[in-house]
Protein backbone atom coordinates (compact mmCIF):
# COMPACT_ATOMS: atom_id res chain seq x y z
CA MET A 1 35.62 61.36 -60.34
CA LEU A 2 37.74 59.93 -57.52
CA THR A 3 35.04 60.75 -55.00
CA LEU A 4 32.45 59.12 -57.27
CA LEU A 5 34.61 56.00 -57.51
CA GLU A 6 34.95 55.85 -53.72
CA LEU A 7 31.18 56.15 -53.31
CA LEU A 8 30.57 53.32 -55.78
CA GLN A 9 33.08 51.14 -53.92
CA SER A 10 31.39 51.64 -50.54
CA HIS A 11 27.74 51.25 -51.64
CA ALA A 12 25.96 48.48 -53.49
CA THR A 13 23.79 50.90 -55.50
CA LEU A 14 23.24 54.66 -55.50
CA THR A 15 20.77 56.62 -57.58
CA GLY A 16 21.86 59.50 -59.76
CA ALA A 17 20.14 61.95 -57.43
CA GLU A 18 21.94 60.48 -54.38
CA LEU A 19 25.31 60.71 -56.13
CA ALA A 20 24.62 64.26 -57.28
CA ASP A 21 23.70 65.27 -53.74
CA ARG A 22 26.87 63.76 -52.25
CA LEU A 23 29.09 65.25 -54.96
CA GLY A 24 27.43 68.66 -54.78
CA THR A 25 26.60 68.63 -58.49
CA ASP A 26 23.72 67.69 -60.79
CA VAL A 27 22.56 64.39 -62.31
CA ARG A 28 23.85 65.33 -65.79
CA THR A 29 27.37 65.77 -64.39
CA VAL A 30 27.08 62.38 -62.64
CA ARG A 31 26.28 60.79 -66.02
CA ARG A 32 29.31 62.47 -67.54
CA TYR A 33 31.59 61.30 -64.70
CA THR A 34 30.36 57.70 -64.98
CA ALA A 35 31.02 57.83 -68.74
CA HIS A 36 34.60 58.96 -68.02
CA LEU A 37 35.06 56.06 -65.58
CA ARG A 38 33.87 53.60 -68.24
CA ASP A 39 36.36 55.12 -70.69
CA LEU A 40 39.09 54.33 -68.16
CA GLY A 41 38.01 50.68 -68.10
CA ILE A 42 36.06 50.76 -64.82
CA PRO A 43 32.76 48.88 -65.36
CA VAL A 44 30.09 51.20 -63.95
CA GLU A 45 26.62 49.78 -64.53
CA ALA A 46 23.46 51.88 -64.75
CA GLU A 47 19.95 50.53 -64.32
CA ARG A 48 16.78 52.50 -64.96
CA GLY A 49 13.57 52.29 -62.99
CA ARG A 50 12.31 52.91 -59.48
CA TYR A 51 14.95 50.71 -57.85
CA GLY A 52 17.69 51.46 -60.36
CA GLY A 53 20.90 53.37 -59.95
CA TYR A 54 24.65 53.16 -60.47
CA ARG A 55 26.92 50.40 -59.23
CA LEU A 56 30.20 48.67 -60.02
CA ALA A 57 29.95 45.38 -61.94
CA ARG A 58 29.93 42.31 -59.72
CA GLY A 59 33.31 40.65 -59.32
CA TYR A 60 35.25 43.72 -60.40
CA ARG A 61 38.48 44.02 -58.45
CA MET A 62 39.31 47.55 -57.47
CA PRO A 63 42.86 48.86 -57.05
CA PRO A 64 44.27 48.79 -53.48
CA LEU A 65 42.03 50.72 -51.09
CA VAL A 66 43.27 53.73 -49.17
CA LEU A 67 42.58 53.43 -45.43
CA THR A 68 42.49 56.23 -42.91
CA ASN A 69 44.43 55.81 -39.67
CA ASP A 70 41.26 54.83 -37.80
CA GLU A 71 40.25 52.34 -40.52
CA ALA A 72 43.69 50.72 -40.56
CA LEU A 73 43.65 50.38 -36.77
CA ALA A 74 40.15 48.82 -36.92
CA VAL A 75 41.28 46.25 -39.52
CA VAL A 76 44.44 45.29 -37.63
CA LEU A 77 42.65 44.96 -34.28
CA GLY A 78 39.87 42.96 -35.93
CA LEU A 79 42.36 40.48 -37.41
CA VAL A 80 44.24 40.14 -34.12
CA ALA A 81 41.00 39.58 -32.17
CA ALA A 82 39.72 37.05 -34.75
CA GLU A 83 42.93 35.05 -34.42
CA ARG A 84 42.70 35.20 -30.62
CA VAL A 85 39.15 33.81 -30.42
CA GLY A 86 39.83 31.14 -33.04
CA MET A 87 37.59 32.67 -35.70
CA GLY A 88 40.19 32.43 -38.48
CA THR A 89 43.25 30.41 -39.32
CA THR A 90 46.64 31.59 -38.08
CA VAL A 91 48.15 31.39 -41.58
CA ALA A 92 45.39 33.47 -43.20
CA THR A 93 45.43 36.08 -40.43
CA ALA A 94 49.22 36.41 -40.52
CA GLY A 95 49.15 36.75 -44.31
CA ALA A 96 46.48 39.46 -44.24
CA LEU A 97 48.34 41.41 -41.53
CA ALA A 98 51.60 41.18 -43.48
CA LYS A 99 49.96 42.53 -46.65
CA ILE A 100 48.40 45.45 -44.78
CA GLU A 101 51.62 46.32 -42.99
CA ARG A 102 53.63 46.30 -46.24
CA VAL A 103 51.53 49.10 -47.75
CA LEU A 104 51.21 51.25 -44.62
CA PRO A 105 53.27 54.44 -44.40
CA GLN A 106 56.04 54.36 -41.83
CA ALA A 107 54.28 56.96 -39.67
CA LEU A 108 51.34 54.55 -39.22
CA ARG A 109 53.20 51.22 -39.35
CA GLU A 110 55.19 51.79 -36.15
CA PRO A 111 52.23 52.83 -33.92
CA LEU A 112 50.16 49.87 -35.16
CA ALA A 113 53.06 47.50 -34.49
CA ALA A 114 53.29 48.95 -31.00
CA VAL A 115 49.58 48.29 -30.46
CA ARG A 116 49.96 44.66 -31.59
CA GLU A 117 52.96 44.07 -29.33
CA SER A 118 51.47 45.74 -26.25
CA LEU A 119 47.90 44.44 -26.59
CA ALA A 120 46.93 41.97 -23.84
CA PHE A 121 43.86 39.77 -23.35
CA THR A 122 42.17 38.60 -20.16
CA ALA A 123 41.24 35.21 -21.67
CA ASN A 124 43.45 32.52 -23.14
CA ALA A 125 43.66 32.13 -26.89
CA VAL A 126 41.26 29.65 -28.49
CA ILE A 127 42.50 27.07 -30.98
CA GLY A 128 39.88 27.29 -33.70
CA GLN A 129 38.61 24.68 -36.15
CA ALA A 130 38.48 26.83 -39.29
CA PRO A 131 36.18 25.55 -42.06
CA GLY A 132 36.95 25.80 -45.76
CA THR A 133 36.27 29.28 -47.10
CA GLY A 134 34.17 27.94 -49.99
CA ILE A 135 32.05 25.84 -47.61
CA LEU A 136 31.41 28.74 -45.25
CA LEU A 137 30.52 31.17 -48.05
CA ALA A 138 28.20 28.63 -49.71
CA LEU A 139 26.32 28.07 -46.45
CA ALA A 140 26.09 31.81 -45.82
CA ARG A 141 24.66 32.42 -49.31
CA ALA A 142 22.11 29.62 -48.89
CA THR A 143 21.11 31.01 -45.48
CA LEU A 144 20.56 34.47 -46.93
CA SER A 145 18.64 33.26 -50.00
CA ARG A 146 16.64 30.66 -48.00
CA THR A 147 17.72 27.86 -50.37
CA THR A 148 17.99 24.18 -49.38
CA VAL A 149 21.46 22.65 -49.76
CA GLY A 150 22.80 19.14 -49.96
CA ILE A 151 25.84 18.52 -47.76
CA SER A 152 28.38 15.73 -47.46
CA TYR A 153 28.98 15.42 -43.72
CA GLN A 154 31.48 13.48 -41.61
CA SER A 155 30.10 12.57 -38.17
CA TRP A 156 32.27 12.42 -35.04
CA ARG A 157 32.51 8.67 -35.71
CA ARG A 158 33.99 9.48 -39.14
CA GLN A 159 30.91 8.12 -40.90
CA GLY A 160 30.06 9.99 -44.08
CA THR A 161 26.43 10.87 -44.84
CA GLU A 162 24.60 12.77 -47.58
CA ARG A 163 21.68 14.89 -46.45
CA ASP A 164 19.58 17.90 -47.41
CA VAL A 165 19.46 20.81 -44.96
CA ASP A 166 17.50 24.05 -44.78
CA PRO A 167 20.20 26.37 -43.36
CA TYR A 168 18.71 28.68 -40.74
CA GLY A 169 22.00 30.28 -39.72
CA VAL A 170 25.73 29.93 -39.07
CA VAL A 171 27.02 30.48 -35.52
CA PHE A 172 30.59 30.87 -34.23
CA HIS A 173 31.07 29.48 -30.71
CA SER A 174 34.26 28.75 -28.72
CA GLY A 175 36.57 28.39 -31.70
CA ARG A 176 34.19 26.43 -33.92
CA TRP A 177 31.68 27.26 -36.66
CA TYR A 178 28.27 25.55 -36.53
CA LEU A 179 25.43 25.26 -39.04
CA VAL A 180 21.91 25.24 -37.57
CA GLY A 181 19.07 24.13 -39.82
CA HIS A 182 16.30 21.68 -40.59
CA ASP A 183 17.73 18.25 -41.39
CA HIS A 184 15.50 16.53 -43.98
CA LEU A 185 17.01 13.15 -43.06
CA ARG A 186 15.92 13.45 -39.41
CA GLY A 187 12.91 15.66 -40.01
CA ALA A 188 13.92 18.08 -37.25
CA PRO A 189 16.30 20.98 -36.51
CA ARG A 190 19.90 19.83 -36.13
CA THR A 191 23.35 21.28 -35.50
CA PHE A 192 26.36 20.49 -37.70
CA ARG A 193 30.02 21.42 -37.28
CA VAL A 194 31.00 23.34 -40.41
CA ASP A 195 34.56 21.98 -40.41
CA ARG A 196 33.05 18.50 -40.94
CA VAL A 197 31.07 19.57 -44.01
CA GLU A 198 33.00 18.34 -47.04
CA SER A 199 30.84 19.80 -49.83
CA VAL A 200 27.76 21.98 -50.34
CA THR A 201 25.39 21.62 -53.31
CA PRO A 202 22.51 24.08 -53.84
CA ARG A 203 19.08 22.53 -54.37
CA ALA A 204 16.27 24.04 -56.42
CA ARG A 205 14.05 24.39 -53.34
CA ASP A 206 13.23 27.32 -51.12
CA PHE A 207 12.26 27.18 -47.45
CA THR A 208 10.90 29.39 -44.70
CA VAL A 209 12.51 29.70 -41.28
CA PRO A 210 10.02 28.97 -38.45
CA GLU A 211 8.77 32.12 -36.79
CA ASN A 212 10.84 33.29 -33.80
CA PHE A 213 13.43 30.54 -34.33
CA ASP A 214 16.64 31.54 -32.49
CA VAL A 215 19.72 29.84 -33.97
CA VAL A 216 21.97 30.87 -31.05
CA ALA A 217 19.51 29.55 -28.46
CA HIS A 218 19.14 26.29 -30.38
CA LEU A 219 22.91 25.82 -30.60
CA THR A 220 23.61 26.52 -26.93
CA ALA A 221 20.76 24.22 -25.88
CA ALA A 222 22.05 21.48 -28.20
CA LEU A 223 25.60 21.78 -26.83
CA ALA A 224 24.26 21.53 -23.29
CA GLN A 225 22.70 18.16 -24.22
CA VAL A 226 25.95 16.62 -25.52
CA PRO A 227 26.50 13.32 -23.65
CA TYR A 228 29.15 13.37 -20.92
CA ARG A 229 30.20 10.92 -18.24
CA TRP A 230 28.18 12.49 -15.41
CA GLN A 231 24.54 13.70 -15.33
CA VAL A 232 24.28 16.43 -12.68
CA GLU A 233 21.16 17.78 -10.96
CA VAL A 234 21.48 20.51 -8.35
CA THR A 235 18.94 22.95 -6.89
CA ILE A 236 20.42 26.43 -6.51
CA HIS A 237 18.55 28.55 -3.96
CA GLY A 238 18.61 31.93 -5.67
CA PRO A 239 16.91 34.12 -8.33
CA ILE A 240 16.85 32.51 -11.77
CA ASP A 241 17.71 35.72 -13.65
CA GLU A 242 20.97 36.24 -11.76
CA ILE A 243 21.86 32.54 -11.87
CA ALA A 244 21.29 32.49 -15.66
CA ARG A 245 23.84 35.28 -16.05
CA ARG A 246 26.43 33.12 -14.28
CA LEU A 247 25.51 29.85 -16.02
CA PRO A 248 24.98 30.25 -19.79
CA ARG A 249 22.74 27.82 -21.68
CA SER A 250 25.75 26.07 -23.21
CA VAL A 251 26.77 25.01 -19.67
CA ALA A 252 23.46 24.00 -18.09
CA THR A 253 19.69 24.11 -18.40
CA LEU A 254 17.85 25.99 -15.66
CA THR A 255 14.24 25.50 -14.49
CA ALA A 256 12.58 27.53 -11.75
CA ASP A 257 10.69 25.55 -9.08
CA SER A 258 9.23 26.16 -5.62
CA THR A 259 12.56 25.73 -3.81
CA GLY A 260 14.84 27.61 -6.19
CA VAL A 261 16.34 26.83 -9.59
CA LEU A 262 16.90 23.26 -10.77
CA MET A 263 20.17 23.04 -12.69
CA ARG A 264 20.69 20.10 -15.05
CA ALA A 265 24.14 19.75 -16.53
CA ARG A 266 26.59 17.21 -17.91
CA ALA A 267 30.20 16.96 -16.89
CA GLU A 268 33.18 14.89 -17.88
CA ARG A 269 34.99 15.71 -14.61
CA LEU A 270 33.27 16.38 -11.28
CA ASP A 271 36.11 18.42 -9.81
CA GLY A 272 35.37 21.12 -12.39
CA MET A 273 31.68 21.05 -11.46
CA ALA A 274 32.64 21.36 -7.79
CA HIS A 275 34.68 24.48 -8.56
CA LEU A 276 31.76 25.92 -10.54
CA LEU A 277 29.27 25.39 -7.69
CA ALA A 278 31.70 26.73 -5.10
CA SER A 279 32.08 29.93 -7.13
CA LEU A 280 28.35 30.71 -6.86
CA GLN A 281 27.11 33.10 -4.17
CA TRP A 282 23.94 31.09 -3.40
CA PRO A 283 23.49 27.91 -1.33
CA PHE A 284 22.64 24.75 -3.24
CA THR A 285 21.42 21.18 -2.73
CA ILE A 286 22.88 18.24 -4.68
CA HIS A 287 20.41 15.66 -5.98
CA HIS A 288 22.85 13.49 -7.91
CA PRO A 289 25.39 12.14 -8.48
CA THR A 290 26.60 11.25 -5.00
CA GLU A 291 30.17 11.43 -6.30
CA LEU A 292 29.74 15.21 -6.66
CA ARG A 293 29.47 15.45 -2.85
CA HIS A 294 32.86 13.70 -2.54
CA ALA A 295 34.38 16.14 -5.06
CA LEU A 296 33.02 19.10 -3.06
CA LYS A 297 34.35 17.70 0.21
CA ALA A 298 37.79 17.20 -1.35
CA LEU A 299 37.72 20.81 -2.58
CA ALA A 300 36.61 22.01 0.87
CA ASP A 301 39.47 20.11 2.51
CA ARG A 302 41.99 21.74 0.18
CA LEU A 303 40.55 25.19 0.84
CA ALA A 304 40.53 24.61 4.61
CA ALA A 305 44.14 23.46 4.50
CA ALA A 306 45.09 26.55 2.51
CA ALA A 307 43.30 28.78 5.04
CA GLU A 308 45.22 27.20 7.95
CA ARG A 309 48.60 27.23 6.26
CA GLU A 310 50.99 29.73 7.84
CA PRO A 311 53.58 31.50 5.69
CA ALA A 312 57.12 30.21 6.07
CA GLU A 313 59.42 32.50 8.06
CA ARG A 314 61.63 34.49 5.71
CA SER A 315 65.38 34.45 6.04
CA PRO A 316 66.94 37.76 7.09
């Protein structure tokens, strides 16, 4: 019966034959076990037919789960990594870790604590903009069911709008959650920051996602078009495939031409763009702005000065 309960917890639906096979018994015994579970107050539902089977009632809260050592390590590492990349809130992650650690046996608690304390990352932590849980779940459900939703949205200018959206997908990128979908107000695909969505209302309308629509590609292309102070155009004299691996679509748009690869990008600061170009292994030609040439020359002067600098003589 305990094995049956564990199987029902880990699968949405299993047929009587599948349960009998996994338990090493027959279908009649499965029916008897499920009857015993119902007598204990555990709501096991049975549905007849070709696609029927056994499952736990929706919304039923099971007693605390028992995790193996590997499962507990996977959960802890997942929570730590999610906090590091800004995917969840610090408070929620800390609370979940504390609950898990309280129920772990001492033999497992100490090694996991050692892993948390000794774990290092090569990248800096990201400060995430966590959306409301209800908002995120509502958008995910609408995306899965292909149902139009009405959203109350605050723009970056703090102007509130009401609009209907066909949600194509939700994407997490650099500490923020984004909704990509067809905006009925604009009549075109748009990107919305989920933390600026104040409410979600399901509409009684279904939609179809355009064939081969890539939500990640749309988001990265949209972020690359965000207005910045400087519009940069540079031809990089190298193979486009290798350059694309160094310059993701969220940083720049790349177009192959007869002389190389034309890079179009936007930058708030040109010294950062100068560092980016200097890190590439291919020669390049700047089209505009002229100020980028000055930033590169300033960087070259600093590098030349560093190359000529002699180490100070050490005291004995």
